Amino acid sequence: MVLLCASRVVITEVMANPLGTTGARFPEDRNEYVELYNPGTSAVDLFNWTVDDGDGIDRLIAWQDTSLLAVNPTLLLGATWLPPGGYAVVLDSEY
């Protein structure tokens, strides 16, 4: 948490352990996310930041799957920089 405060990035939303059956391809395993917001005046590089829920540690990397562009062509892929006033949604790689 200290790293988030020092870097001026705020956690604005969390979906943890949604109801559903556990295991691969089931809602509880796949539908978790964290939304981040940068209220600062400088961009922040999120590369290699970690999210830890006590069950596992996930390292942040850039999303590369271009299939999401068919639904939302304005998404920024392949980058880990969070611009000032920008939001990022952190998803599990199984999503």
PDB file of N, CA and C in Angstrom:
ATOM      1  N   MET A   1       0.807  -1.191   0.000  1.00  0.00           N
ATOM      2  CA  MET A   1       0.000   0.000   0.000  1.00  0.00           C
ATOM      3  C   MET A   1       0.849   1.253   0.000  1.00  0.00           C
ATOM      4  N   VAL A   2       2.000   1.220   0.638  1.00  0.00           N
ATOM      5  CA  VAL A   2       2.873   2.388   0.668  1.00  0.00           C
ATOM      6  C   VAL A   2       3.297   2.777  -0.739  1.00  0.00           C
ATOM      7  N   LEU A   3       3.579   1.784  -1.583  1.00  0.00           N
ATOM      8  CA  LEU A   3       3.985   2.060  -2.951  1.00  0.00           C
ATOM      9  C   LEU A   3       2.886   2.789  -3.705  1.00  0.00           C
ATOM     10  N   LEU A   4       1.638   2.379  -3.516  1.00  0.00           N
ATOM     11  CA  LEU A   4       0.532   3.045  -4.189  1.00  0.00           C
ATOM     12  C   LEU A   4       0.415   4.493  -3.755  1.00  0.00           C
ATOM     13  N   CYS A   5       0.545   4.756  -2.481  1.00  0.00           N
ATOM     14  CA  CYS A   5       0.436   6.119  -1.979  1.00  0.00           C
ATOM     15  C   CYS A   5       1.592   6.972  -2.473  1.00  0.00           C
ATOM     16  N   ALA A   6       2.793   6.430  -2.453  1.00  0.00           N
ATOM     17  CA  ALA A   6       3.963   7.182  -2.876  1.00  0.00           C
ATOM     18  C   ALA A   6       3.899   7.510  -4.358  1.00  0.00           C
ATOM     19  N   SER A   7       3.293   6.652  -5.142  1.00  0.00           N
ATOM     20  CA  SER A   7       3.224   6.858  -6.578  1.00  0.00           C
ATOM     21  C   SER A   7       1.948   7.570  -6.999  1.00  0.00           C
ATOM     22  N   ARG A   8       1.103   7.903  -6.066  1.00  0.00           N
ATOM     23  CA  ARG A   8      -0.108   8.664  -6.318  1.00  0.00           C
ATOM     24  C   ARG A   8      -1.126   7.925  -7.179  1.00  0.00           C
ATOM     25  N   VAL A   9      -1.147   6.630  -7.107  1.00  0.00           N
ATOM     26  CA  VAL A   9      -2.153   5.832  -7.802  1.00  0.00           C
ATOM     27  C   VAL A   9      -3.155   5.356  -6.763  1.00  0.00           C
ATOM     28  N   VAL A  10      -4.445   5.450  -7.111  1.00  0.00           N
ATOM     29  CA  VAL A  10      -5.514   5.127  -6.172  1.00  0.00           C
ATOM     30  C   VAL A  10      -6.287   3.909  -6.673  1.00  0.00           C
ATOM     31  N   ILE A  11      -6.590   2.985  -5.782  1.00  0.00           N
ATOM     32  CA  ILE A  11      -7.481   1.867  -6.111  1.00  0.00           C
ATOM     33  C   ILE A  11      -8.904   2.389  -5.978  1.00  0.00           C
ATOM     34  N   THR A  12      -9.657   2.383  -7.077  1.00  0.00           N
ATOM     35  CA  THR A  12     -11.008   2.936  -7.074  1.00  0.00           C
ATOM     36  C   THR A  12     -12.103   1.880  -7.039  1.00  0.00           C
ATOM     37  N   GLU A  13     -11.815   0.684  -7.520  1.00  0.00           N
ATOM     38  CA  GLU A  13     -12.808  -0.404  -7.502  1.00  0.00           C
ATOM     39  C   GLU A  13     -12.099  -1.736  -7.367  1.00  0.00           C
ATOM     40  N   VAL A  14     -12.760  -2.669  -6.705  1.00  0.00           N
ATOM     41  CA  VAL A  14     -12.243  -4.034  -6.575  1.00  0.00           C
ATOM     42  C   VAL A  14     -13.413  -5.002  -6.697  1.00  0.00           C
ATOM     43  N   MET A  15     -13.246  -6.007  -7.519  1.00  0.00           N
ATOM     44  CA  MET A  15     -14.189  -7.130  -7.554  1.00  0.00           C
ATOM     45  C   MET A  15     -13.391  -8.344  -7.134  1.00  0.00           C
ATOM     46  N   ALA A  16     -13.637  -8.791  -5.921  1.00  0.00           N
ATOM     47  CA  ALA A  16     -12.899  -9.934  -5.381  1.00  0.00           C
ATOM     48  C   ALA A  16     -13.862 -11.061  -5.038  1.00  0.00           C
ATOM     49  N   ASN A  17     -13.503 -12.248  -5.449  1.00  0.00           N
ATOM     50  CA  ASN A  17     -14.282 -13.446  -5.140  1.00  0.00           C
ATOM     51  C   ASN A  17     -15.772 -13.306  -5.440  1.00  0.00           C
ATOM     52  N   PRO A  18     -16.144 -13.042  -6.708  1.00  0.00           N
ATOM     53  CA  PRO A  18     -17.566 -12.987  -7.039  1.00  0.00           C
ATOM     54  C   PRO A  18     -18.212 -14.350  -6.820  1.00  0.00           C
ATOM     55  N   LEU A  19     -19.498 -14.336  -6.567  1.00  0.00           N
ATOM     56  CA  LEU A  19     -20.222 -15.583  -6.351  1.00  0.00           C
ATOM     57  C   LEU A  19     -20.136 -16.472  -7.578  1.00  0.00           C
ATOM     58  N   GLY A  20     -20.057 -17.741  -7.356  1.00  0.00           N
ATOM     59  CA  GLY A  20     -20.015 -18.696  -8.458  1.00  0.00           C
ATOM     60  C   GLY A  20     -19.124 -19.866  -8.114  1.00  0.00           C
ATOM     61  N   THR A  21     -19.113 -20.831  -8.985  1.00  0.00           N
ATOM     62  CA  THR A  21     -18.298 -22.017  -8.812  1.00  0.00           C
ATOM     63  C   THR A  21     -16.834 -21.652  -8.990  1.00  0.00           C
ATOM     64  N   THR A  22     -15.965 -22.237  -8.194  1.00  0.00           N
ATOM     65  CA  THR A  22     -14.538 -21.958  -8.317  1.00  0.00           C
ATOM     66  C   THR A  22     -13.886 -22.888  -9.316  1.00  0.00           C
ATOM     67  N   GLY A  23     -12.703 -22.523  -9.753  1.00  0.00           N
ATOM     68  CA  GLY A  23     -11.956 -23.327 -10.703  1.00  0.00           C
ATOM     69  C   GLY A  23     -11.857 -22.649 -12.046  1.00  0.00           C
ATOM     70  N   ALA A  24     -10.989 -23.158 -12.895  1.00  0.00           N
ATOM     71  CA  ALA A  24     -10.771 -22.573 -14.218  1.00  0.00           C
ATOM     72  C   ALA A  24     -12.082 -22.470 -14.991  1.00  0.00           C
ATOM     73  N   ARG A  25     -12.265 -21.366 -15.665  1.00  0.00           N
ATOM     74  CA  ARG A  25     -13.425 -21.073 -16.520  1.00  0.00           C
ATOM     75  C   ARG A  25     -14.723 -20.860 -15.739  1.00  0.00           C
ATOM     76  N   PHE A  26     -14.664 -20.643 -14.452  1.00  0.00           N
ATOM     77  CA  PHE A  26     -15.850 -20.360 -13.669  1.00  0.00           C
ATOM     78  C   PHE A  26     -15.774 -18.931 -13.147  1.00  0.00           C
ATOM     79  N   PRO A  27     -16.915 -18.330 -12.828  1.00  0.00           N
ATOM     80  CA  PRO A  27     -16.954 -16.909 -12.455  1.00  0.00           C
ATOM     81  C   PRO A  27     -15.997 -16.485 -11.348  1.00  0.00           C
ATOM     82  N   GLU A  28     -15.902 -17.239 -10.283  1.00  0.00           N
ATOM     83  CA  GLU A  28     -15.060 -16.786  -9.181  1.00  0.00           C
ATOM     84  C   GLU A  28     -13.593 -16.743  -9.585  1.00  0.00           C
ATOM     85  N   ASP A  29     -13.186 -17.639 -10.445  1.00  0.00           N
ATOM     86  CA  ASP A  29     -11.793 -17.711 -10.853  1.00  0.00           C
ATOM     87  C   ASP A  29     -11.435 -16.627 -11.867  1.00  0.00           C
ATOM     88  N   ARG A  30     -12.391 -16.164 -12.646  1.00  0.00           N
ATOM     89  CA  ARG A  30     -12.074 -15.295 -13.777  1.00  0.00           C
ATOM     90  C   ARG A  30     -12.554 -13.866 -13.653  1.00  0.00           C
ATOM     91  N   ASN A  31     -13.557 -13.576 -12.894  1.00  0.00           N
ATOM     92  CA  ASN A  31     -14.189 -12.261 -12.940  1.00  0.00           C
ATOM     93  C   ASN A  31     -13.684 -11.277 -11.898  1.00  0.00           C
ATOM     94  N   GLU A  32     -12.500 -11.483 -11.390  1.00  0.00           N
ATOM     95  CA  GLU A  32     -11.931 -10.543 -10.443  1.00  0.00           C
ATOM     96  C   GLU A  32     -11.200  -9.430 -11.204  1.00  0.00           C
ATOM     97  N   TYR A  33     -11.244  -8.223 -10.659  1.00  0.00           N
ATOM     98  CA  TYR A  33     -10.493  -7.121 -11.257  1.00  0.00           C
ATOM     99  C   TYR A  33     -10.217  -6.058 -10.207  1.00  0.00           C
ATOM    100  N   VAL A  34      -9.283  -5.182 -10.539  1.00  0.00           N
ATOM    101  CA  VAL A  34      -8.956  -4.016  -9.732  1.00  0.00           C
ATOM    102  C   VAL A  34      -8.889  -2.838 -10.695  1.00  0.00           C
ATOM    103  N   GLU A  35      -9.531  -1.721 -10.336  1.00  0.00           N
ATOM    104  CA  GLU A  35      -9.442  -0.511 -11.146  1.00  0.00           C
ATOM    105  C   GLU A  35      -8.522   0.480 -10.448  1.00  0.00           C
ATOM    106  N   LEU A  36      -7.599   1.054 -11.218  1.00  0.00           N
ATOM    107  CA  LEU A  36      -6.648   2.024 -10.698  1.00  0.00           C
ATOM    108  C   LEU A  36      -6.893   3.384 -11.342  1.00  0.00           C
ATOM    109  N   TYR A  37      -6.616   4.450 -10.600  1.00  0.00           N
ATOM    110  CA  TYR A  37      -6.769   5.816 -11.101  1.00  0.00           C
ATOM    111  C   TYR A  37      -5.522   6.612 -10.739  1.00  0.00           C
ATOM    112  N   ASN A  38      -5.049   7.421 -11.663  1.00  0.00           N
ATOM    113  CA  ASN A  38      -3.891   8.282 -11.432  1.00  0.00           C
ATOM    114  C   ASN A  38      -4.363   9.727 -11.308  1.00  0.00           C
ATOM    115  N   PRO A  39      -4.522  10.244 -10.070  1.00  0.00           N
ATOM    116  CA  PRO A  39      -4.966  11.627  -9.897  1.00  0.00           C
ATOM    117  C   PRO A  39      -3.826  12.639 -10.026  1.00  0.00           C
ATOM    118  N   GLY A  40      -2.608  12.158 -10.230  1.00  0.00           N
ATOM    119  CA  GLY A  40      -1.439  13.031 -10.285  1.00  0.00           C
ATOM    120  C   GLY A  40      -1.312  13.777 -11.598  1.00  0.00           C
ATOM    121  N   THR A  41      -0.215  14.505 -11.718  1.00  0.00           N
ATOM    122  CA  THR A  41       0.051  15.302 -12.915  1.00  0.00           C
ATOM    123  C   THR A  41       1.105  14.668 -13.812  1.00  0.00           C
ATOM    124  N   SER A  42       1.627  13.502 -13.409  1.00  0.00           N
ATOM    125  CA  SER A  42       2.626  12.783 -14.197  1.00  0.00           C
ATOM    126  C   SER A  42       2.167  11.353 -14.432  1.00  0.00           C
ATOM    127  N   ALA A  43       2.583  10.808 -15.561  1.00  0.00           N
ATOM    128  CA  ALA A  43       2.281   9.407 -15.852  1.00  0.00           C
ATOM    129  C   ALA A  43       3.055   8.504 -14.896  1.00  0.00           C
ATOM    130  N   VAL A  44       2.475   7.337 -14.599  1.00  0.00           N
ATOM    131  CA  VAL A  44       3.097   6.361 -13.707  1.00  0.00           C
ATOM    132  C   VAL A  44       3.226   5.046 -14.473  1.00  0.00           C
ATOM    133  N   ASP A  45       4.414   4.458 -14.459  1.00  0.00           N
ATOM    134  CA  ASP A  45       4.614   3.165 -15.107  1.00  0.00           C
ATOM    135  C   ASP A  45       4.269   2.061 -14.115  1.00  0.00           C
ATOM    136  N   LEU A  46       3.254   1.258 -14.450  1.00  0.00           N
ATOM    137  CA  LEU A  46       2.781   0.182 -13.581  1.00  0.00           C
ATOM    138  C   LEU A  46       3.496  -1.133 -13.839  1.00  0.00           C
ATOM    139  N   PHE A  47       4.438  -1.159 -14.772  1.00  0.00           N
ATOM    140  CA  PHE A  47       5.135  -2.391 -15.114  1.00  0.00           C
ATOM    141  C   PHE A  47       5.788  -3.005 -13.881  1.00  0.00           C
ATOM    142  N   ASN A  48       5.488  -4.275 -13.672  1.00  0.00           N
ATOM    143  CA  ASN A  48       6.020  -5.078 -12.567  1.00  0.00           C
ATOM    144  C   ASN A  48       5.470  -4.697 -11.195  1.00  0.00           C
ATOM    145  N   TRP A  49       4.480  -3.819 -11.123  1.00  0.00           N
ATOM    146  CA  TRP A  49       3.792  -3.636  -9.843  1.00  0.00           C
ATOM    147  C   TRP A  49       3.111  -4.959  -9.538  1.00  0.00           C
ATOM    148  N   THR A  50       2.808  -5.198  -8.276  1.00  0.00           N
ATOM    149  CA  THR A  50       2.145  -6.441  -7.907  1.00  0.00           C
ATOM    150  C   THR A  50       0.838  -6.174  -7.180  1.00  0.00           C
ATOM    151  N   VAL A  51      -0.075  -7.124  -7.343  1.00  0.00           N
ATOM    152  CA  VAL A  51      -1.347  -7.122  -6.625  1.00  0.00           C
ATOM    153  C   VAL A  51      -1.364  -8.420  -5.834  1.00  0.00           C
ATOM    154  N   ASP A  52      -1.609  -8.314  -4.539  1.00  0.00           N
ATOM    155  CA  ASP A  52      -1.572  -9.474  -3.653  1.00  0.00           C
ATOM    156  C   ASP A  52      -2.875  -9.523  -2.870  1.00  0.00           C
ATOM    157  N   ASP A  53      -3.608 -10.625  -3.017  1.00  0.00           N
ATOM    158  CA  ASP A  53      -4.874 -10.768  -2.296  1.00  0.00           C
ATOM    159  C   ASP A  53      -4.768 -11.768  -1.156  1.00  0.00           C
ATOM    160  N   GLY A  54      -3.557 -12.143  -0.788  1.00  0.00           N
ATOM    161  CA  GLY A  54      -3.369 -13.115   0.276  1.00  0.00           C
ATOM    162  C   GLY A  54      -3.440 -14.545  -0.220  1.00  0.00           C
ATOM    163  N   ASP A  55      -3.935 -14.730  -1.444  1.00  0.00           N
ATOM    164  CA  ASP A  55      -4.057 -16.050  -2.041  1.00  0.00           C
ATOM    165  C   ASP A  55      -3.012 -16.253  -3.133  1.00  0.00           C
ATOM    166  N   GLY A  56      -2.536 -15.167  -3.688  1.00  0.00           N
ATOM    167  CA  GLY A  56      -1.545 -15.227  -4.754  1.00  0.00           C
ATOM    168  C   GLY A  56      -1.098 -13.829  -5.118  1.00  0.00           C
ATOM    169  N   ILE A  57       0.108 -13.727  -5.603  1.00  0.00           N
ATOM    170  CA  ILE A  57       0.657 -12.443  -6.022  1.00  0.00           C
ATOM    171  C   ILE A  57       0.674 -12.400  -7.543  1.00  0.00           C
ATOM    172  N   ASP A  58       0.089 -11.358  -8.114  1.00  0.00           N
ATOM    173  CA  ASP A  58       0.061 -11.178  -9.562  1.00  0.00           C
ATOM    174  C   ASP A  58       0.906  -9.967  -9.928  1.00  0.00           C
ATOM    175  N   ARG A  59       1.752 -10.131 -10.943  1.00  0.00           N
ATOM    176  CA  ARG A  59       2.610  -9.057 -11.422  1.00  0.00           C
ATOM    177  C   ARG A  59       1.943  -8.393 -12.626  1.00  0.00           C
ATOM    178  N   LEU A  60       1.913  -7.063 -12.660  1.00  0.00           N
ATOM    179  CA  LEU A  60       1.269  -6.346 -13.748  1.00  0.00           C
ATOM    180  C   LEU A  60       2.171  -6.302 -14.975  1.00  0.00           C
ATOM    181  N   ILE A  61       1.586  -6.662 -16.109  1.00  0.00           N
ATOM    182  CA  ILE A  61       2.257  -6.586 -17.401  1.00  0.00           C
ATOM    183  C   ILE A  61       1.261  -6.003 -18.396  1.00  0.00           C
ATOM    184  N   ALA A  62       1.740  -5.572 -19.537  1.00  0.00           N
ATOM    185  CA  ALA A  62       0.874  -4.982 -20.555  1.00  0.00           C
ATOM    186  C   ALA A  62      -0.014  -6.050 -21.192  1.00  0.00           C
ATOM    187  N   TRP A  63      -1.269  -5.691 -21.448  1.00  0.00           N
ATOM    188  CA  TRP A  63      -2.215  -6.572 -22.129  1.00  0.00           C
ATOM    189  C   TRP A  63      -1.890  -6.546 -23.613  1.00  0.00           C
ATOM    190  N   GLN A  64      -1.784  -7.711 -24.251  1.00  0.00           N
ATOM    191  CA  GLN A  64      -1.394  -7.793 -25.655  1.00  0.00           C
ATOM    192  C   GLN A  64      -2.489  -8.335 -26.570  1.00  0.00           C
ATOM    193  N   ASP A  65      -3.551  -8.904 -26.013  1.00  0.00           N
ATOM    194  CA  ASP A  65      -4.593  -9.572 -26.801  1.00  0.00           C
ATOM    195  C   ASP A  65      -5.429  -8.536 -27.559  1.00  0.00           C
ATOM    196  N   THR A  66      -5.274  -8.473 -28.863  1.00  0.00           N
ATOM    197  CA  THR A  66      -5.965  -7.473 -29.680  1.00  0.00           C
ATOM    198  C   THR A  66      -7.433  -7.804 -29.927  1.00  0.00           C
ATOM    199  N   SER A  67      -7.920  -8.962 -29.498  1.00  0.00           N
ATOM    200  CA  SER A  67      -9.330  -9.312 -29.726  1.00  0.00           C
ATOM    201  C   SER A  67     -10.272  -8.335 -29.028  1.00  0.00           C
ATOM    202  N   LEU A  68      -9.808  -7.682 -27.960  1.00  0.00           N
ATOM    203  CA  LEU A  68     -10.647  -6.701 -27.256  1.00  0.00           C
ATOM    204  C   LEU A  68     -10.912  -5.456 -28.100  1.00  0.00           C
ATOM    205  N   LEU A  69     -10.068  -5.200 -29.084  1.00  0.00           N
ATOM    206  CA  LEU A  69     -10.234  -4.007 -29.915  1.00  0.00           C
ATOM    207  C   LEU A  69     -11.483  -4.080 -30.791  1.00  0.00           C
ATOM    208  N   ALA A  70     -11.966  -5.279 -31.071  1.00  0.00           N
ATOM    209  CA  ALA A  70     -13.185  -5.424 -31.867  1.00  0.00           C
ATOM    210  C   ALA A  70     -14.379  -4.825 -31.129  1.00  0.00           C
ATOM    211  N   VAL A  71     -14.385  -4.928 -29.815  1.00  0.00           N
ATOM    212  CA  VAL A  71     -15.477  -4.408 -28.995  1.00  0.00           C
ATOM    213  C   VAL A  71     -15.235  -2.947 -28.616  1.00  0.00           C
ATOM    214  N   ASN A  72     -13.991  -2.598 -28.313  1.00  0.00           N
ATOM    215  CA  ASN A  72     -13.659  -1.244 -27.900  1.00  0.00           C
ATOM    216  C   ASN A  72     -12.346  -0.820 -28.560  1.00  0.00           C
ATOM    217  N   PRO A  73     -12.430  -0.197 -29.748  1.00  0.00           N
ATOM    218  CA  PRO A  73     -11.212   0.144 -30.487  1.00  0.00           C
ATOM    219  C   PRO A  73     -10.369   1.248 -29.841  1.00  0.00           C
ATOM    220  N   THR A  74     -10.863   1.884 -28.797  1.00  0.00           N
ATOM    221  CA  THR A  74     -10.096   2.952 -28.152  1.00  0.00           C
ATOM    222  C   THR A  74      -9.199   2.449 -27.023  1.00  0.00           C
ATOM    223  N   LEU A  75      -9.246   1.147 -26.722  1.00  0.00           N
ATOM    224  CA  LEU A  75      -8.394   0.602 -25.668  1.00  0.00           C
ATOM    225  C   LEU A  75      -6.925   0.741 -26.035  1.00  0.00           C
ATOM    226  N   LEU A  76      -6.100   1.027 -25.037  1.00  0.00           N
ATOM    227  CA  LEU A  76      -4.662   1.107 -25.228  1.00  0.00           C
ATOM    228  C   LEU A  76      -4.051  -0.224 -24.812  1.00  0.00           C
ATOM    229  N   LEU A  77      -3.451  -0.911 -25.759  1.00  0.00           N
ATOM    230  CA  LEU A  77      -2.821  -2.205 -25.488  1.00  0.00           C
ATOM    231  C   LEU A  77      -1.310  -2.077 -25.575  1.00  0.00           C
ATOM    232  N   GLY A  78      -0.602  -2.982 -24.921  1.00  0.00           N
ATOM    233  CA  GLY A  78       0.845  -3.037 -25.027  1.00  0.00           C
ATOM    234  C   GLY A  78       1.583  -1.975 -24.246  1.00  0.00           C
ATOM    235  N   ALA A  79       0.921  -1.333 -23.296  1.00  0.00           N
ATOM    236  CA  ALA A  79       1.559  -0.281 -22.507  1.00  0.00           C
ATOM    237  C   ALA A  79       1.226  -0.468 -21.031  1.00  0.00           C
ATOM    238  N   THR A  80       2.122  -0.021 -20.183  1.00  0.00           N
ATOM    239  CA  THR A  80       1.884  -0.095 -18.739  1.00  0.00           C
ATOM    240  C   THR A  80       1.873   1.287 -18.101  1.00  0.00           C
ATOM    241  N   TRP A  81       1.951   2.329 -18.905  1.00  0.00           N
ATOM    242  CA  TRP A  81       1.927   3.694 -18.374  1.00  0.00           C
ATOM    243  C   TRP A  81       0.497   4.138 -18.133  1.00  0.00           C
ATOM    244  N   LEU A  82       0.240   4.679 -16.947  1.00  0.00           N
ATOM    245  CA  LEU A  82      -1.069   5.214 -16.579  1.00  0.00           C
ATOM    246  C   LEU A  82      -0.954   6.739 -16.620  1.00  0.00           C
ATOM    247  N   PRO A  83      -1.614   7.381 -17.597  1.00  0.00           N
ATOM    248  CA  PRO A  83      -1.463   8.828 -17.743  1.00  0.00           C
ATOM    249  C   PRO A  83      -2.161   9.591 -16.614  1.00  0.00           C
ATOM    250  N   PRO A  84      -1.811  10.852 -16.422  1.00  0.00           N
ATOM    251  CA  PRO A  84      -2.503  11.663 -15.416  1.00  0.00           C
ATOM    252  C   PRO A  84      -4.000  11.712 -15.727  1.00  0.00           C
ATOM    253  N   GLY A  85      -4.823  11.496 -14.716  1.00  0.00           N
ATOM    254  CA  GLY A  85      -6.271  11.479 -14.907  1.00  0.00           C
ATOM    255  C   GLY A  85      -6.781  10.216 -15.566  1.00  0.00           C
ATOM    256  N   GLY A  86      -5.900   9.239 -15.770  1.00  0.00           N
ATOM    257  CA  GLY A  86      -6.276   8.018 -16.461  1.00  0.00           C
ATOM    258  C   GLY A  86      -6.648   6.885 -15.519  1.00  0.00           C
ATOM    259  N   TYR A  87      -7.420   5.956 -16.056  1.00  0.00           N
ATOM    260  CA  TYR A  87      -7.848   4.759 -15.330  1.00  0.00           C
ATOM    261  C   TYR A  87      -7.254   3.527 -15.995  1.00  0.00           C
ATOM    262  N   ALA A  88      -7.026   2.485 -15.209  1.00  0.00           N
ATOM    263  CA  ALA A  88      -6.598   1.196 -15.738  1.00  0.00           C
ATOM    264  C   ALA A  88      -7.377   0.112 -15.016  1.00  0.00           C
ATOM    265  N   VAL A  89      -7.780  -0.905 -15.752  1.00  0.00           N
ATOM    266  CA  VAL A  89      -8.433  -2.062 -15.151  1.00  0.00           C
ATOM    267  C   VAL A  89      -7.448  -3.213 -15.207  1.00  0.00           C
ATOM    268  N   VAL A  90      -7.174  -3.780 -14.042  1.00  0.00           N
ATOM    269  CA  VAL A  90      -6.242  -4.896 -13.931  1.00  0.00           C
ATOM    270  C   VAL A  90      -7.063  -6.178 -13.935  1.00  0.00           C
ATOM    271  N   LEU A  91      -6.830  -7.018 -14.941  1.00  0.00           N
ATOM    272  CA  LEU A  91      -7.562  -8.270 -15.107  1.00  0.00           C
ATOM    273  C   LEU A  91      -6.618  -9.445 -14.947  1.00  0.00           C
ATOM    274  N   ASP A  92      -7.177 -10.582 -14.600  1.00  0.00           N
ATOM    275  CA  ASP A  92      -6.426 -11.824 -14.566  1.00  0.00           C
ATOM    276  C   ASP A  92      -6.116 -12.223 -16.004  1.00  0.00           C
ATOM    277  N   SER A  93      -4.959 -12.801 -16.226  1.00  0.00           N
ATOM    278  CA  SER A  93      -4.574 -13.207 -17.575  1.00  0.00           C
ATOM    279  C   SER A  93      -5.495 -14.273 -18.170  1.00  0.00           C
ATOM    280  N   GLU A  94      -6.282 -14.959 -17.326  1.00  0.00           N
ATOM    281  CA  GLU A  94      -7.233 -15.962 -17.823  1.00  0.00           C
ATOM    282  C   GLU A  94      -8.495 -15.313 -18.395  1.00  0.00           C
ATOM    283  N   TYR A  95      -8.677 -14.033 -18.188  1.00  0.00           N
ATOM    284  CA  TYR A  95      -9.895 -13.343 -18.596  1.00  0.00           C
ATOM    285  C   TYR A  95     -10.163 -13.501 -20.068  1.00  0.00           C
TER     286      TYR A  95
END
